[in-house]
All heavy atoms as atom14 arrays in JSON, in Angstrom:
{
  "sequence": "IWGQNDQILGTKAAQTFQQKIPNSTLVWIDRCGHVPHLEKPQETAKA",
  "atom14_mask": [
    [1, 1, 1, 1, 1, 1, 1, 1, 0, 0, 0, 0, 0, 0],
    [1, 1, 1, 1, 1, 1, 1, 1, 1, 1, 1, 1, 1, 1],
    [1, 1, 1, 1, 0, 0, 0, 0, 0, 0, 0, 0, 0, 0],
    [1, 1, 1, 1, 1, 1, 1, 1, 1, 0, 0, 0, 0, 0],
    [1, 1, 1, 1, 1, 1, 1, 1, 0, 0, 0, 0, 0, 0],
    [1, 1, 1, 1, 1, 1, 1, 1, 0, 0, 0, 0, 0, 0],
    [1, 1, 1, 1, 1, 1, 1, 1, 1, 0, 0, 0, 0, 0],
    [1, 1, 1, 1, 1, 1, 1, 1, 0, 0, 0, 0, 0, 0],
    [1, 1, 1, 1, 1, 1, 1, 1, 0, 0, 0, 0, 0, 0],
    [1, 1, 1, 1, 0, 0, 0, 0, 0, 0, 0, 0, 0, 0],
    [1, 1, 1, 1, 1, 1, 1, 0, 0, 0, 0, 0, 0, 0],
    [1, 1, 1, 1, 1, 1, 1, 1, 1, 0, 0, 0, 0, 0],
    [1, 1, 1, 1, 1, 0, 0, 0, 0, 0, 0, 0, 0, 0],
    [1, 1, 1, 1, 1, 0, 0, 0, 0, 0, 0, 0, 0, 0],
    [1, 1, 1, 1, 1, 1, 1, 1, 1, 0, 0, 0, 0, 0],
    [1, 1, 1, 1, 1, 1, 1, 0, 0, 0, 0, 0, 0, 0],
    [1, 1, 1, 1, 1, 1, 1, 1, 1, 1, 1, 0, 0, 0],
    [1, 1, 1, 1, 1, 1, 1, 1, 1, 0, 0, 0, 0, 0],
    [1, 1, 1, 1, 1, 1, 1, 1, 1, 0, 0, 0, 0, 0],
    [1, 1, 1, 1, 1, 1, 1, 1, 1, 0, 0, 0, 0, 0],
    [1, 1, 1, 1, 1, 1, 1, 1, 0, 0, 0, 0, 0, 0],
    [1, 1, 1, 1, 1, 1, 1, 0, 0, 0, 0, 0, 0, 0],
    [1, 1, 1, 1, 1, 1, 1, 1, 0, 0, 0, 0, 0, 0],
    [1, 1, 1, 1, 1, 1, 0, 0, 0, 0, 0, 0, 0, 0],
    [1, 1, 1, 1, 1, 1, 1, 0, 0, 0, 0, 0, 0, 0],
    [1, 1, 1, 1, 1, 1, 1, 1, 0, 0, 0, 0, 0, 0],
    [1, 1, 1, 1, 1, 1, 1, 0, 0, 0, 0, 0, 0, 0],
    [1, 1, 1, 1, 1, 1, 1, 1, 1, 1, 1, 1, 1, 1],
    [1, 1, 1, 1, 1, 1, 1, 1, 0, 0, 0, 0, 0, 0],
    [1, 1, 1, 1, 1, 1, 1, 1, 0, 0, 0, 0, 0, 0],
    [1, 1, 1, 1, 1, 1, 1, 1, 1, 1, 1, 0, 0, 0],
    [1, 1, 1, 1, 1, 1, 0, 0, 0, 0, 0, 0, 0, 0],
    [1, 1, 1, 1, 0, 0, 0, 0, 0, 0, 0, 0, 0, 0],
    [1, 1, 1, 1, 1, 1, 1, 1, 1, 1, 0, 0, 0, 0],
    [1, 1, 1, 1, 1, 1, 1, 0, 0, 0, 0, 0, 0, 0],
    [1, 1, 1, 1, 1, 1, 1, 0, 0, 0, 0, 0, 0, 0],
    [1, 1, 1, 1, 1, 1, 1, 1, 1, 1, 0, 0, 0, 0],
    [1, 1, 1, 1, 1, 1, 1, 1, 0, 0, 0, 0, 0, 0],
    [1, 1, 1, 1, 1, 1, 1, 1, 1, 0, 0, 0, 0, 0],
    [1, 1, 1, 1, 1, 1, 1, 1, 1, 0, 0, 0, 0, 0],
    [1, 1, 1, 1, 1, 1, 1, 0, 0, 0, 0, 0, 0, 0],
    [1, 1, 1, 1, 1, 1, 1, 1, 1, 0, 0, 0, 0, 0],
    [1, 1, 1, 1, 1, 1, 1, 1, 1, 0, 0, 0, 0, 0],
    [1, 1, 1, 1, 1, 1, 1, 0, 0, 0, 0, 0, 0, 0],
    [1, 1, 1, 1, 1, 0, 0, 0, 0, 0, 0, 0, 0, 0],
    [1, 1, 1, 1, 1, 1, 1, 1, 1, 0, 0, 0, 0, 0],
    [1, 1, 1, 1, 1, 0, 0, 0, 0, 0, 0, 0, 0, 0]
  ],
  "atom14_positions": [
    [[0.85, -1.14, 0.01], [0.01, 0.0, -0.01], [0.84, 1.25, 0.0], [1.8, 1.34, 0.79], [-0.92, -0.02, 1.23], [-1.9, -1.22, 1.16], [-1.69, 1.31, 1.33], [-2.73, -1.37, 2.34], [0.0, 0.0, 0.0], [0.0, 0.0, 0.0], [0.0, 0.0, 0.0], [0.0, 0.0, 0.0], [0.0, 0.0, 0.0], [0.0, 0.0, 0.0]],
    [[0.64, 2.15, -0.93], [1.51, 3.31, -1.01], [0.76, 4.63, -1.24], [-0.18, 4.66, -2.09], [2.43, 3.09, -2.2], [3.85, 3.6, -1.92], [4.32, 4.94, -2.15], [4.96, 2.92, -1.36], [5.64, 5.03, -1.75], [6.07, 3.8, -1.25], [5.11, 1.61, -0.85], [7.33, 3.45, -0.72], [6.35, 1.27, -0.36], [7.45, 2.1, -0.24]],
    [[1.09, 5.59, -0.58], [0.55, 7.0, -0.76], [1.06, 7.58, -2.1], [2.26, 7.62, -2.33], [0.0, 0.0, 0.0], [0.0, 0.0, 0.0], [0.0, 0.0, 0.0], [0.0, 0.0, 0.0], [0.0, 0.0, 0.0], [0.0, 0.0, 0.0], [0.0, 0.0, 0.0], [0.0, 0.0, 0.0], [0.0, 0.0, 0.0], [0.0, 0.0, 0.0]],
    [[0.14, 7.97, -2.9], [0.47, 8.47, -4.2], [1.38, 9.67, -4.19], [2.12, 10.01, -5.12], [-0.77, 8.81, -5.03], [-0.57, 9.15, -6.48], [-0.36, 7.93, -7.36], [-1.19, 6.99, -7.36], [0.73, 7.88, -8.04], [0.0, 0.0, 0.0], [0.0, 0.0, 0.0], [0.0, 0.0, 0.0], [0.0, 0.0, 0.0], [0.0, 0.0, 0.0]],
    [[1.42, 10.4, -3.02], [2.16, 11.6, -2.86], [3.17, 11.55, -1.72], [3.46, 12.57, -1.02], [1.18, 12.76, -2.65], [0.06, 12.87, -3.65], [-1.0, 12.37, -3.44], [0.35, 13.53, -4.78], [0.0, 0.0, 0.0], [0.0, 0.0, 0.0], [0.0, 0.0, 0.0], [0.0, 0.0, 0.0], [0.0, 0.0, 0.0], [0.0, 0.0, 0.0]],
    [[3.76, 10.39, -1.6], [4.75, 10.22, -0.51], [6.02, 11.07, -0.79], [6.68, 10.91, -1.72], [5.14, 8.7, -0.47], [6.05, 8.33, 0.74], [6.67, 9.32, 1.3], [6.17, 7.2, 1.08], [0.0, 0.0, 0.0], [0.0, 0.0, 0.0], [0.0, 0.0, 0.0], [0.0, 0.0, 0.0], [0.0, 0.0, 0.0], [0.0, 0.0, 0.0]],
    [[6.29, 12.01, 0.07], [7.43, 12.87, 0.02], [8.58, 12.37, 0.88], [9.68, 13.07, 0.82], [7.04, 14.36, 0.35], [6.01, 14.89, -0.55], [6.45, 15.06, -1.96], [7.54, 15.52, -2.31], [5.62, 14.5, -2.89], [0.0, 0.0, 0.0], [0.0, 0.0, 0.0], [0.0, 0.0, 0.0], [0.0, 0.0, 0.0], [0.0, 0.0, 0.0]],
    [[8.4, 11.38, 1.62], [9.46, 10.83, 2.46], [10.32, 9.8, 1.73], [11.53, 9.92, 1.64], [8.88, 10.22, 3.75], [8.04, 11.25, 4.55], [9.97, 9.7, 4.66], [8.82, 12.36, 5.09], [0.0, 0.0, 0.0], [0.0, 0.0, 0.0], [0.0, 0.0, 0.0], [0.0, 0.0, 0.0], [0.0, 0.0, 0.0], [0.0, 0.0, 0.0]],
    [[9.62, 8.76, 1.17], [10.29, 7.72, 0.46], [10.09, 7.81, -1.06], [10.74, 7.1, -1.85], [9.86, 6.34, 0.93], [10.25, 5.96, 2.39], [9.76, 4.61, 2.71], [11.79, 6.07, 2.56], [0.0, 0.0, 0.0], [0.0, 0.0, 0.0], [0.0, 0.0, 0.0], [0.0, 0.0, 0.0], [0.0, 0.0, 0.0], [0.0, 0.0, 0.0]],
    [[9.22, 8.71, -1.54], [8.94, 8.77, -2.97], [8.02, 7.6, -3.35], [7.49, 6.97, -2.44], [0.0, 0.0, 0.0], [0.0, 0.0, 0.0], [0.0, 0.0, 0.0], [0.0, 0.0, 0.0], [0.0, 0.0, 0.0], [0.0, 0.0, 0.0], [0.0, 0.0, 0.0], [0.0, 0.0, 0.0], [0.0, 0.0, 0.0], [0.0, 0.0, 0.0]],
    [[7.87, 7.41, -4.61], [6.87, 6.38, -5.1], [7.58, 5.23, -5.93], [6.94, 4.27, -6.15], [5.8, 7.02, -5.97], [6.39, 7.77, -7.04], [4.92, 7.94, -5.13], [0.0, 0.0, 0.0], [0.0, 0.0, 0.0], [0.0, 0.0, 0.0], [0.0, 0.0, 0.0], [0.0, 0.0, 0.0], [0.0, 0.0, 0.0], [0.0, 0.0, 0.0]],
    [[8.83, 5.44, -6.34], [9.51, 4.4, -7.11], [9.65, 3.12, -6.35], [9.61, 2.01, -6.9], [10.83, 4.91, -7.59], [10.74, 5.98, -8.7], [12.15, 6.37, -9.12], [12.04, 7.44, -10.27], [13.41, 7.89, -10.75], [0.0, 0.0, 0.0], [0.0, 0.0, 0.0], [0.0, 0.0, 0.0], [0.0, 0.0, 0.0], [0.0, 0.0, 0.0]],
    [[9.86, 3.29, -5.0], [10.06, 2.03, -4.18], [8.89, 1.14, -4.16], [8.98, -0.09, -4.17], [10.36, 2.43, -2.7], [0.0, 0.0, 0.0], [0.0, 0.0, 0.0], [0.0, 0.0, 0.0], [0.0, 0.0, 0.0], [0.0, 0.0, 0.0], [0.0, 0.0, 0.0], [0.0, 0.0, 0.0], [0.0, 0.0, 0.0], [0.0, 0.0, 0.0]],
    [[7.72, 1.65, -4.36], [6.49, 0.81, -4.35], [6.52, -0.1, -5.57], [6.24, -1.32, -5.45], [5.25, 1.76, -4.52], [0.0, 0.0, 0.0], [0.0, 0.0, 0.0], [0.0, 0.0, 0.0], [0.0, 0.0, 0.0], [0.0, 0.0, 0.0], [0.0, 0.0, 0.0], [0.0, 0.0, 0.0], [0.0, 0.0, 0.0], [0.0, 0.0, 0.0]],
    [[6.93, 0.43, -6.71], [6.96, -0.46, -7.89], [8.15, -1.45, -7.82], [8.04, -2.56, -8.33], [7.08, 0.46, -9.18], [5.89, 1.36, -9.35], [6.15, 2.49, -10.35], [7.28, 2.98, -10.44], [5.14, 2.82, -11.18], [0.0, 0.0, 0.0], [0.0, 0.0, 0.0], [0.0, 0.0, 0.0], [0.0, 0.0, 0.0], [0.0, 0.0, 0.0]],
    [[9.29, -1.04, -7.18], [10.39, -1.99, -6.99], [9.92, -3.14, -6.11], [10.29, -4.27, -6.42], [11.52, -1.18, -6.4], [11.92, -0.07, -7.25], [12.73, -2.14, -6.22], [0.0, 0.0, 0.0], [0.0, 0.0, 0.0], [0.0, 0.0, 0.0], [0.0, 0.0, 0.0], [0.0, 0.0, 0.0], [0.0, 0.0, 0.0], [0.0, 0.0, 0.0]],
    [[9.26, -2.83, -5.03], [8.77, -3.92, -4.16], [7.84, -4.86, -5.0], [7.98, -6.1, -4.89], [7.98, -3.38, -2.9], [8.86, -2.97, -1.76], [8.78, -1.67, -1.3], [9.64, -3.9, -1.18], [9.59, -1.33, -0.21], [10.44, -3.54, -0.05], [10.38, -2.29, 0.42], [0.0, 0.0, 0.0], [0.0, 0.0, 0.0], [0.0, 0.0, 0.0]],
    [[6.93, -4.33, -5.76], [6.06, -5.18, -6.53], [6.79, -6.03, -7.53], [6.47, -7.22, -7.71], [5.03, -4.31, -7.3], [3.99, -5.17, -8.01], [2.99, -4.33, -8.74], [3.34, -3.24, -9.24], [1.8, -4.76, -8.93], [0.0, 0.0, 0.0], [0.0, 0.0, 0.0], [0.0, 0.0, 0.0], [0.0, 0.0, 0.0], [0.0, 0.0, 0.0]],
    [[7.83, -5.46, -8.16], [8.62, -6.2, -9.11], [9.41, -7.38, -8.49], [9.57, -8.45, -9.07], [9.55, -5.27, -9.91], [8.84, -4.32, -10.79], [9.7, -3.18, -11.27], [10.83, -3.08, -10.91], [9.08, -2.23, -11.96], [0.0, 0.0, 0.0], [0.0, 0.0, 0.0], [0.0, 0.0, 0.0], [0.0, 0.0, 0.0], [0.0, 0.0, 0.0]],
    [[9.93, -7.09, -7.28], [10.89, -7.98, -6.63], [10.18, -9.07, -5.77], [10.77, -10.14, -5.51], [11.83, -7.25, -5.84], [12.85, -6.48, -6.68], [13.94, -5.85, -5.83], [14.99, -5.15, -6.7], [15.79, -6.09, -7.52], [0.0, 0.0, 0.0], [0.0, 0.0, 0.0], [0.0, 0.0, 0.0], [0.0, 0.0, 0.0], [0.0, 0.0, 0.0]],
    [[9.0, -8.79, -5.23], [8.28, -9.79, -4.39], [7.37, -10.6, -5.3], [6.48, -10.06, -5.92], [7.53, -9.09, -3.28], [8.48, -8.31, -2.4], [6.74, -10.07, -2.43], [7.82, -7.49, -1.3], [0.0, 0.0, 0.0], [0.0, 0.0, 0.0], [0.0, 0.0, 0.0], [0.0, 0.0, 0.0], [0.0, 0.0, 0.0], [0.0, 0.0, 0.0]],
    [[7.53, -11.93, -5.41], [6.89, -12.75, -6.38], [5.38, -12.58, -6.29], [4.73, -12.4, -7.26], [7.33, -14.15, -6.01], [8.64, -13.99, -5.34], [8.59, -12.68, -4.58], [0.0, 0.0, 0.0], [0.0, 0.0, 0.0], [0.0, 0.0, 0.0], [0.0, 0.0, 0.0], [0.0, 0.0, 0.0], [0.0, 0.0, 0.0], [0.0, 0.0, 0.0]],
    [[4.75, -12.89, -5.16], [3.32, -12.94, -5.02], [2.84, -11.65, -4.35], [2.48, -11.63, -3.15], [2.89, -14.17, -4.27], [1.36, -14.26, -4.14], [0.61, -13.6, -4.85], [0.94, -15.21, -3.29], [0.0, 0.0, 0.0], [0.0, 0.0, 0.0], [0.0, 0.0, 0.0], [0.0, 0.0, 0.0], [0.0, 0.0, 0.0], [0.0, 0.0, 0.0]],
    [[2.8, -10.53, -5.15], [2.56, -9.21, -4.52], [1.49, -8.44, -5.34], [1.41, -8.6, -6.52], [3.8, -8.38, -4.37], [4.44, -8.12, -5.54], [0.0, 0.0, 0.0], [0.0, 0.0, 0.0], [0.0, 0.0, 0.0], [0.0, 0.0, 0.0], [0.0, 0.0, 0.0], [0.0, 0.0, 0.0], [0.0, 0.0, 0.0], [0.0, 0.0, 0.0]],
    [[0.81, -7.6, -4.6], [-0.27, -6.69, -5.2], [0.06, -5.25, -4.68], [0.35, -5.06, -3.53], [-1.59, -7.12, -4.71], [-1.85, -8.49, -5.11], [-2.68, -6.21, -5.34], [0.0, 0.0, 0.0], [0.0, 0.0, 0.0], [0.0, 0.0, 0.0], [0.0, 0.0, 0.0], [0.0, 0.0, 0.0], [0.0, 0.0, 0.0], [0.0, 0.0, 0.0]],
    [[-0.01, -4.34, -5.63], [0.21, -2.91, -5.23], [-1.12, -2.12, -5.32], [-1.79, -2.2, -6.31], [1.26, -2.33, -6.26], [1.51, -0.83, -6.07], [1.95, -0.42, -4.67], [2.56, -0.36, -7.16], [0.0, 0.0, 0.0], [0.0, 0.0, 0.0], [0.0, 0.0, 0.0], [0.0, 0.0, 0.0], [0.0, 0.0, 0.0], [0.0, 0.0, 0.0]],
    [[-1.39, -1.4, -4.27], [-2.56, -0.58, -4.23], [-2.06, 0.86, -3.9], [-1.35, 1.11, -2.9], [-3.64, -0.98, -3.18], [-4.66, 0.0, -2.9], [-4.13, -2.36, -3.47], [0.0, 0.0, 0.0], [0.0, 0.0, 0.0], [0.0, 0.0, 0.0], [0.0, 0.0, 0.0], [0.0, 0.0, 0.0], [0.0, 0.0, 0.0], [0.0, 0.0, 0.0]],
    [[-2.44, 1.82, -4.75], [-2.15, 3.27, -4.54], [-3.27, 3.9, -3.75], [-4.4, 3.64, -3.99], [-1.9, 3.92, -5.87], [-0.75, 3.51, -6.65], [-0.72, 2.69, -7.71], [0.68, 3.82, -6.41], [0.53, 2.48, -8.14], [1.37, 3.18, -7.4], [1.28, 4.7, -5.51], [2.77, 3.33, -7.51], [2.67, 4.82, -5.53], [3.41, 4.19, -6.56]],
    [[-2.9, 4.81, -2.8], [-3.88, 5.62, -2.15], [-3.71, 7.04, -2.58], [-2.65, 7.67, -2.43], [-3.67, 5.57, -0.57], [-3.67, 4.11, -0.11], [-4.74, 6.42, 0.11], [-4.96, 3.44, -0.24], [0.0, 0.0, 0.0], [0.0, 0.0, 0.0], [0.0, 0.0, 0.0], [0.0, 0.0, 0.0], [0.0, 0.0, 0.0], [0.0, 0.0, 0.0]],
    [[-4.69, 7.54, -3.28], [-4.6, 8.86, -4.0], [-4.71, 9.96, -3.02], [-5.29, 9.89, -1.93], [-5.81, 8.97, -4.95], [-5.64, 10.2, -5.89], [-4.49, 10.52, -6.25], [-6.66, 10.77, -6.21], [0.0, 0.0, 0.0], [0.0, 0.0, 0.0], [0.0, 0.0, 0.0], [0.0, 0.0, 0.0], [0.0, 0.0, 0.0], [0.0, 0.0, 0.0]],
    [[-4.01, 11.05, -3.4], [-4.04, 12.27, -2.55], [-3.6, 11.93, -1.06], [-4.29, 12.3, -0.09], [-5.33, 12.99, -2.52], [-5.75, 13.51, -3.97], [-7.16, 14.09, -4.0], [-7.19, 15.31, -3.18], [-6.89, 16.51, -3.64], [-6.46, 16.63, -4.88], [-7.04, 17.56, -2.91], [0.0, 0.0, 0.0], [0.0, 0.0, 0.0], [0.0, 0.0, 0.0]],
    [[-2.49, 11.24, -0.94], [-2.05, 10.74, 0.34], [-0.56, 10.71, 0.4], [0.15, 10.36, -0.63], [-2.58, 9.36, 0.54], [-2.15, 8.58, 2.13], [0.0, 0.0, 0.0], [0.0, 0.0, 0.0], [0.0, 0.0, 0.0], [0.0, 0.0, 0.0], [0.0, 0.0, 0.0], [0.0, 0.0, 0.0], [0.0, 0.0, 0.0], [0.0, 0.0, 0.0]],
    [[0.05, 11.03, 1.54], [1.47, 11.03, 1.76], [2.01, 9.8, 2.24], [1.59, 8.69, 1.8], [0.0, 0.0, 0.0], [0.0, 0.0, 0.0], [0.0, 0.0, 0.0], [0.0, 0.0, 0.0], [0.0, 0.0, 0.0], [0.0, 0.0, 0.0], [0.0, 0.0, 0.0], [0.0, 0.0, 0.0], [0.0, 0.0, 0.0], [0.0, 0.0, 0.0]],
    [[2.98, 9.91, 3.17], [3.76, 8.75, 3.63], [3.02, 7.89, 4.65], [3.44, 6.75, 4.93], [5.06, 9.27, 4.28], [6.01, 8.24, 4.77], [6.57, 7.29, 3.9], [6.42, 7.91, 6.01], [7.35, 6.5, 4.6], [7.31, 6.87, 5.85], [0.0, 0.0, 0.0], [0.0, 0.0, 0.0], [0.0, 0.0, 0.0], [0.0, 0.0, 0.0]],
    [[1.9, 8.4, 5.18], [1.23, 7.64, 6.26], [-0.25, 7.38, 5.93], [-1.12, 7.98, 6.55], [1.37, 8.41, 7.6], [2.76, 8.3, 8.14], [1.06, 9.9, 7.43], [0.0, 0.0, 0.0], [0.0, 0.0, 0.0], [0.0, 0.0, 0.0], [0.0, 0.0, 0.0], [0.0, 0.0, 0.0], [0.0, 0.0, 0.0], [0.0, 0.0, 0.0]],
    [[-0.57, 6.53, 5.0], [-1.92, 6.26, 4.62], [-2.77, 5.79, 5.8], [-3.99, 6.05, 5.87], [-1.77, 5.09, 3.55], [-0.41, 5.31, 2.99], [0.44, 5.77, 4.08], [0.0, 0.0, 0.0], [0.0, 0.0, 0.0], [0.0, 0.0, 0.0], [0.0, 0.0, 0.0], [0.0, 0.0, 0.0], [0.0, 0.0, 0.0], [0.0, 0.0, 0.0]],
    [[-2.18, 5.07, 6.75], [-2.94, 4.52, 7.91], [-3.43, 5.72, 8.8], [-4.33, 5.54, 9.54], [-2.1, 3.53, 8.69], [-0.71, 4.02, 9.05], [0.21, 4.32, 8.03], [0.01, 4.21, 10.26], [1.35, 4.69, 8.6], [1.23, 4.65, 9.95], [0.0, 0.0, 0.0], [0.0, 0.0, 0.0], [0.0, 0.0, 0.0], [0.0, 0.0, 0.0]],
    [[-2.77, 6.92, 8.73], [-3.21, 8.06, 9.5], [-3.97, 8.98, 8.59], [-4.97, 9.63, 9.08], [-2.0, 8.72, 10.1], [-1.35, 8.19, 11.33], [0.05, 8.79, 11.57], [-2.27, 8.36, 12.49], [0.0, 0.0, 0.0], [0.0, 0.0, 0.0], [0.0, 0.0, 0.0], [0.0, 0.0, 0.0], [0.0, 0.0, 0.0], [0.0, 0.0, 0.0]],
    [[-3.59, 9.19, 7.34], [-4.16, 10.18, 6.53], [-5.48, 9.67, 5.79], [-6.42, 10.42, 5.71], [-3.19, 10.63, 5.45], [-3.64, 11.76, 4.56], [-2.5, 12.54, 3.94], [-1.45, 11.99, 3.88], [-2.75, 13.66, 3.48], [0.0, 0.0, 0.0], [0.0, 0.0, 0.0], [0.0, 0.0, 0.0], [0.0, 0.0, 0.0], [0.0, 0.0, 0.0]],
    [[-5.41, 8.41, 5.38], [-6.64, 7.83, 4.77], [-6.93, 6.43, 5.39], [-6.84, 5.41, 4.74], [-6.33, 7.62, 3.26], [-6.14, 8.96, 2.47], [-7.45, 9.7, 2.27], [-7.33, 10.88, 1.43], [-7.2, 10.59, -0.01], [0.0, 0.0, 0.0], [0.0, 0.0, 0.0], [0.0, 0.0, 0.0], [0.0, 0.0, 0.0], [0.0, 0.0, 0.0]],
    [[-7.31, 6.46, 6.66], [-7.47, 5.1, 7.32], [-8.61, 4.26, 6.79], [-8.44, 3.07, 6.68], [-7.75, 5.5, 8.79], [-8.21, 6.91, 8.74], [-7.49, 7.57, 7.56], [0.0, 0.0, 0.0], [0.0, 0.0, 0.0], [0.0, 0.0, 0.0], [0.0, 0.0, 0.0], [0.0, 0.0, 0.0], [0.0, 0.0, 0.0], [0.0, 0.0, 0.0]],
    [[-9.7, 4.88, 6.37], [-10.75, 4.08, 5.85], [-10.38, 3.42, 4.52], [-10.62, 2.23, 4.29], [-12.0, 5.0, 5.51], [-12.71, 5.4, 6.86], [-12.11, 6.65, 7.51], [-11.22, 7.26, 6.95], [-12.5, 6.93, 8.74], [0.0, 0.0, 0.0], [0.0, 0.0, 0.0], [0.0, 0.0, 0.0], [0.0, 0.0, 0.0], [0.0, 0.0, 0.0]],
    [[-9.72, 4.19, 3.6], [-9.29, 3.59, 2.36], [-8.23, 2.48, 2.58], [-8.18, 1.48, 1.9], [-8.73, 4.67, 1.41], [-9.79, 5.59, 0.92], [-9.2, 6.68, -0.07], [-8.22, 6.34, -0.78], [-9.72, 7.81, -0.06], [0.0, 0.0, 0.0], [0.0, 0.0, 0.0], [0.0, 0.0, 0.0], [0.0, 0.0, 0.0], [0.0, 0.0, 0.0]],
    [[-7.32, 2.79, 3.62], [-6.31, 1.75, 3.86], [-6.87, 0.54, 4.44], [-6.52, -0.55, 4.01], [-5.29, 2.41, 4.84], [-4.73, 3.57, 4.25], [-4.18, 1.45, 5.07], [0.0, 0.0, 0.0], [0.0, 0.0, 0.0], [0.0, 0.0, 0.0], [0.0, 0.0, 0.0], [0.0, 0.0, 0.0], [0.0, 0.0, 0.0], [0.0, 0.0, 0.0]],
    [[-7.85, 0.65, 5.4], [-8.45, -0.47, 5.97], [-9.25, -1.32, 4.91], [-9.15, -2.5, 4.87], [-9.41, -0.08, 7.06], [0.0, 0.0, 0.0], [0.0, 0.0, 0.0], [0.0, 0.0, 0.0], [0.0, 0.0, 0.0], [0.0, 0.0, 0.0], [0.0, 0.0, 0.0], [0.0, 0.0, 0.0], [0.0, 0.0, 0.0], [0.0, 0.0, 0.0]],
    [[-9.93, -0.59, 4.04], [-10.69, -1.25, 2.96], [-9.77, -2.1, 2.03], [-10.04, -3.3, 1.69], [-11.49, -0.26, 2.14], [-12.42, -0.98, 1.09], [-13.19, 0.09, 0.3], [-14.18, -0.58, -0.66], [-13.61, -1.56, -1.55], [0.0, 0.0, 0.0], [0.0, 0.0, 0.0], [0.0, 0.0, 0.0], [0.0, 0.0, 0.0], [0.0, 0.0, 0.0]],
    [[-8.67, -1.46, 1.66], [-7.64, -2.19, 0.82], [-7.16, -3.4, 1.54], [-7.01, -4.46, 0.92], [-6.5, -1.21, 0.49], [0.0, 0.0, 0.0], [0.0, 0.0, 0.0], [0.0, 0.0, 0.0], [0.0, 0.0, 0.0], [0.0, 0.0, 0.0], [0.0, 0.0, 0.0], [0.0, 0.0, 0.0], [0.0, 0.0, 0.0], [0.0, 0.0, 0.0]]
  ]
}
C-alpha cells in the first residue's frame, strides 16, 4: 500500500517492491502522503 504523494520515500520504491516480491499486489492511495494509515485510514483499511 503506497501513498501516491509520498514525499518521504517517494513512489518508485512501491513499484520496486512489486517487481521483486513474487506474489505481490500494489494498491495506490490517492492524494495521500507517507502515512496512509493516518491520512486515509478508511481507504487503507478497505484495501
